[in-house]
Protein backbone atom coordinates (compact mmCIF):
# COMPACT_ATOMS: atom_id res chain seq x y z
CA MET A 1 3.41 8.54 -12.47
CA LEU A 2 0.83 5.77 -12.32
CA GLN A 3 -1.88 5.91 -14.47
CA VAL A 4 -4.42 2.42 -14.78
CA LYS A 5 -6.47 2.33 -17.80
CA ASP A 6 -9.47 0.77 -17.96
CA ILE A 7 -8.47 -2.26 -16.37
CA ASP A 8 -11.00 -5.46 -15.89
CA VAL A 9 -9.94 -8.27 -13.52
CA PHE A 10 -11.85 -11.84 -12.75
CA TYR A 11 -11.23 -14.13 -10.09
CA GLY A 12 -12.06 -17.46 -12.50
CA ASP A 13 -15.56 -15.99 -14.37
CA VAL A 14 -16.61 -13.66 -11.00
CA GLN A 15 -15.83 -10.36 -12.21
CA VAL A 16 -14.43 -7.90 -10.13
CA LEU A 17 -13.11 -4.97 -11.08
CA TRP A 18 -15.19 -3.61 -14.23
CA GLY A 19 -13.61 -0.76 -16.59
CA LEU A 20 -11.16 0.70 -13.72
CA SER A 21 -9.29 4.09 -14.16
CA PHE A 22 -7.40 6.64 -11.98
CA GLU A 23 -4.20 8.11 -11.35
CA VAL A 24 -1.61 9.19 -9.04
CA HIS A 25 0.97 11.60 -9.43
CA GLN A 26 4.81 11.80 -8.17
CA GLY A 27 4.99 12.52 -4.42
CA GLU A 28 1.10 11.98 -3.94
CA VAL A 29 -0.49 10.41 -1.50
CA VAL A 30 -3.33 8.73 -3.30
CA ALA A 31 -6.33 6.99 -1.10
CA LEU A 32 -8.36 4.34 -2.62
CA VAL A 33 -12.01 3.70 0.06
CA GLY A 34 -14.90 1.62 0.15
CA ALA A 35 -16.61 -1.45 1.69
CA ASN A 36 -15.61 -4.55 2.12
CA GLY A 37 -15.46 -6.37 -1.38
CA ALA A 38 -15.15 -3.08 -3.36
CA GLY A 39 -12.43 -4.41 -5.02
CA LYS A 40 -9.53 -2.39 -3.70
CA SER A 41 -6.89 -5.24 -2.74
CA THR A 42 -7.78 -6.28 -5.93
CA THR A 43 -6.68 -3.16 -7.89
CA LEU A 44 -3.44 -3.23 -5.64
CA ARG A 45 -2.81 -7.26 -6.52
CA ALA A 46 -3.20 -6.11 -10.60
CA ILE A 47 -0.94 -3.84 -9.78
CA SER A 48 1.88 -5.78 -8.36
CA GLY A 49 1.13 -8.35 -11.04
CA LEU A 50 -1.27 -11.10 -8.50
CA ALA A 51 -3.95 -10.37 -10.16
CA PRO A 52 -3.45 -10.77 -14.49
CA LEU A 53 -5.66 -8.11 -16.11
CA ARG A 54 -9.01 -9.36 -18.50
CA ARG A 55 -8.42 -6.19 -20.33
CA GLY A 56 -7.24 -2.53 -19.88
CA GLU A 57 -3.55 -1.45 -18.59
CA ILE A 58 -1.10 -0.02 -16.19
CA MET A 59 1.41 2.20 -16.91
CA LEU A 60 4.55 3.59 -14.74
CA ARG A 61 6.22 6.11 -15.79
CA GLN A 62 4.53 5.46 -18.92
CA GLN A 63 6.14 1.88 -19.32
CA PRO A 64 3.62 -0.98 -19.44
CA LEU A 65 3.80 -2.42 -15.84
CA HIS A 66 0.93 -5.15 -16.51
CA GLN A 67 3.47 -6.70 -19.30
CA THR A 68 5.88 -7.59 -16.35
CA PRO A 69 5.91 -10.12 -14.56
CA GLY A 70 5.05 -10.39 -10.74
CA TYR A 71 8.70 -11.24 -9.08
CA ARG A 72 9.73 -8.26 -11.47
CA ILE A 73 7.46 -5.46 -10.05
CA ILE A 74 9.42 -4.73 -7.17
CA GLU A 75 12.71 -4.03 -9.77
CA HIS A 76 10.31 -1.23 -11.51
CA GLY A 77 10.57 0.63 -7.60
CA VAL A 78 7.07 -0.71 -6.59
CA ALA A 79 6.39 -2.04 -3.22
CA HIS A 80 3.01 -3.72 -1.86
CA VAL A 81 2.61 -4.02 1.94
CA PRO A 82 -0.29 -6.76 1.68
CA GLU A 83 -3.26 -7.36 3.69
CA ALA A 84 -2.53 -9.06 6.97
CA ARG A 85 1.32 -8.68 6.54
CA ARG A 86 2.51 -11.99 4.91
CA LEU A 87 5.72 -12.38 6.64
CA PHE A 88 8.23 -14.65 7.26
CA SER A 89 7.22 -16.04 10.40
CA ASP A 90 10.18 -18.11 10.87
CA MET A 91 12.72 -15.63 10.10
CA THR A 92 13.88 -13.08 12.57
CA VAL A 93 13.06 -9.50 12.18
CA ARG A 94 15.90 -8.49 10.70
CA GLU A 95 16.38 -11.24 8.12
CA ASN A 96 12.43 -10.49 7.03
CA LEU A 97 13.97 -6.83 6.64
CA ILE A 98 16.68 -7.85 4.94
CA MET A 99 14.13 -9.56 2.55
CA GLY A 100 12.98 -6.72 1.11
CA SER A 101 16.37 -5.37 0.54
CA LEU A 102 17.05 -8.07 -2.60
CA LYS A 103 16.77 -6.49 -5.57
CA LYS A 104 19.82 -4.32 -7.46
CA GLY A 105 20.32 -0.64 -6.06
CA ALA A 106 18.78 -1.63 -2.61
CA ARG A 107 20.96 -4.60 -1.64
CA GLU A 108 24.00 -1.65 -1.51
CA GLN A 109 22.20 0.41 0.68
CA ARG A 110 21.25 -2.59 3.22
CA GLU A 111 22.99 -1.04 6.52
CA GLN A 112 22.23 2.83 5.76
CA SER A 113 18.25 1.24 4.89
CA LEU A 114 17.99 -1.25 8.10
CA GLU A 115 19.21 1.84 10.08
CA GLN A 116 16.81 4.40 9.07
CA VAL A 117 13.64 1.50 9.39
CA PHE A 118 15.21 1.11 13.32
CA HIS A 119 15.12 4.95 13.71
CA THR A 120 11.44 5.16 12.35
CA PHE A 121 10.33 1.49 14.17
CA PRO A 122 12.61 1.66 17.62
CA ARG A 123 10.30 -1.31 18.29
CA LEU A 124 12.01 -3.30 16.03
CA ALA A 125 14.96 -2.47 16.21
CA GLU A 126 15.19 -4.27 20.32
CA ARG A 127 13.40 -7.52 18.28
CA ALA A 128 15.38 -7.48 15.27
CA ARG A 129 16.48 -11.14 16.39
CA GLN A 130 13.40 -12.62 17.32
CA LEU A 131 10.82 -14.38 15.10
CA ALA A 132 8.68 -12.49 13.04
CA GLY A 133 5.56 -14.41 14.14
CA THR A 134 6.35 -14.29 17.68
CA LEU A 135 5.41 -10.39 17.48
CA SER A 136 2.64 -8.32 18.33
CA GLY A 137 -0.29 -7.69 15.63
CA GLY A 138 1.44 -3.51 16.18
CA GLU A 139 5.03 -4.70 15.46
CA GLN A 140 3.97 -7.43 12.40
CA GLN A 141 3.20 -4.65 10.97
CA MET A 142 6.05 -2.56 11.53
CA LEU A 143 7.80 -4.71 10.54
CA ALA A 144 5.56 -5.36 7.17
CA ILE A 145 5.89 -1.87 6.18
CA GLY A 146 9.74 -1.75 7.20
CA ARG A 147 10.14 -4.30 4.73
CA GLY A 148 8.74 -2.42 2.24
CA LEU A 149 10.88 0.35 2.27
CA MET A 150 13.85 -1.64 2.35
CA SER A 151 13.44 -1.80 -1.42
CA LYS A 152 14.14 1.85 -1.75
CA PRO A 153 10.91 2.27 -3.50
CA LYS A 154 9.18 5.47 -5.45
CA LEU A 155 5.43 3.84 -5.02
CA LEU A 156 4.90 2.15 -1.73
CA MET A 157 1.27 0.64 -1.57
CA PHE A 158 -0.44 0.13 1.57
CA ASP A 159 -3.32 -2.51 1.99
CA GLU A 160 -5.67 -1.97 5.07
CA PRO A 161 -2.11 -0.51 6.97
CA SER A 162 -4.59 -0.38 10.46
CA LEU A 163 -6.45 -3.64 10.39
CA GLY A 164 -6.80 -4.95 13.65
CA LEU A 165 -4.31 -2.97 15.44
CA ALA A 166 -4.98 -0.60 18.60
CA PRO A 167 -6.03 2.74 18.33
CA ILE A 168 -2.49 3.67 19.88
CA VAL A 169 -0.88 1.73 16.86
CA VAL A 170 -2.91 3.17 14.14
CA LYS A 171 -1.90 6.41 15.07
CA GLN A 172 1.98 5.93 14.52
CA ILE A 173 1.18 3.40 11.13
CA PHE A 174 -0.45 6.82 9.76
CA GLU A 175 1.96 8.83 10.94
CA VAL A 176 5.02 6.44 9.22
CA VAL A 177 2.87 6.88 6.21
CA ARG A 178 2.90 10.72 6.32
CA GLN A 179 6.99 10.45 7.07
CA VAL A 180 7.47 8.35 4.01
CA ARG A 181 5.54 10.79 1.81
CA GLU A 182 7.96 13.34 2.92
CA GLN A 183 10.75 11.42 2.09
CA GLY A 184 9.52 11.62 -1.41
CA VAL A 185 7.97 8.21 -1.93
CA THR A 186 4.85 8.00 -3.80
CA VAL A 187 2.30 6.31 -1.73
CA LEU A 188 -1.49 4.16 -2.43
CA ILE A 189 -2.99 3.22 0.03
CA VAL A 190 -6.03 1.42 0.50
CA GLU A 191 -7.97 1.52 4.09
CA GLN A 192 -11.41 1.42 5.67
CA ASN A 193 -10.85 3.77 7.99
CA VAL A 194 -11.60 6.53 5.84
CA THR A 195 -11.75 9.42 8.15
CA GLN A 196 -8.00 9.65 9.12
CA THR A 197 -7.34 8.16 5.64
CA LEU A 198 -9.11 11.06 4.06
CA GLN A 199 -6.73 13.47 6.12
CA ILE A 200 -3.32 12.03 5.36
CA ALA A 201 -4.18 11.86 1.47
CA ASP A 202 -3.92 14.89 -0.99
CA ARG A 203 -6.68 12.89 -3.17
CA ALA A 204 -9.10 9.94 -2.90
CA TYR A 205 -10.88 7.26 -5.10
CA VAL A 206 -14.20 5.82 -3.68
CA LEU A 207 -14.73 1.89 -4.90
CA GLU A 208 -17.92 0.73 -4.85
CA ASN A 209 -18.71 -2.91 -6.58
CA GLY A 210 -15.36 -2.44 -8.47
CA ARG A 211 -16.04 0.42 -10.22
CA ILE A 212 -14.87 3.99 -8.93
CA THR A 213 -17.86 5.82 -8.21
CA LEU A 214 -16.46 9.28 -7.12
CA GLU A 215 -12.69 11.31 -6.80
CA GLY A 216 -11.55 14.80 -5.88
CA PRO A 217 -9.63 16.32 -3.37
CA CYS A 218 -9.65 14.88 0.17
CA ARG A 219 -10.51 17.96 1.31
CA GLU A 220 -13.58 18.09 -0.71
CA LEU A 221 -14.05 14.49 -0.56
CA ILE A 222 -14.57 15.05 3.75
CA THR A 223 -17.12 17.38 3.08
CA ASN A 224 -18.97 15.48 0.39
CA ASP A 225 -23.09 14.23 2.07
CA TYR A 226 -22.67 10.94 0.48
CA VAL A 227 -19.25 10.59 1.84
CA LYS A 228 -20.03 11.31 5.19
CA LYS A 229 -22.82 9.33 5.22
CA ALA A 230 -22.00 6.39 4.23
CA TYR A 231 -18.31 6.50 5.25
CA LEU A 232 -17.85 8.81 8.05
CA GLY A 233 -20.81 8.25 10.02
CA ILE A 234 -22.00 11.42 9.83
């Protein structure tokens, strides 16, 4: 479904990604794991058209996604739930969700999608008229995910969805990732909570200093001695 081929990404004169290549198959949950500064978020930004490539290509269903302007990426069925949520804080919960359904195809299913999001996150239904900026951190993360789902994505990318959340909320967020996959949506997730991520993903890639150093099925990586020592605290 998604192929990232030998990409280099720079911020000014500083190179962040070095010849990065990986792929995501239809229906999978694929994880990118690694320490802070490894290039995980930059990888998602590159796929979303927010970080231009210096070299390489990004293909979605054999189409060159890297040649598409960032504001049109959503039209290809790619949704990005960014780190720090990036909500419209002065708009209500419902208005934020509606903003996620502006693309063609999603507008026609808006009410059905709203119902599904409110079913997944009952707390959002209770706060539909509340300003997004007044929500708790966990509620804001639910809203960010809900906004992504409103676009009816084929590929949903999560950037650090558990960051700064209470353990009980983290558990709920990871359960939602499972539900999204069961609904037929392909998932690419960036996450520092390596233990829980490897438990829900099919395959994972380990990034270190902008390069992939290890990859494979999660059932194998979770028992890998290096992964256990470096990322699982074992």
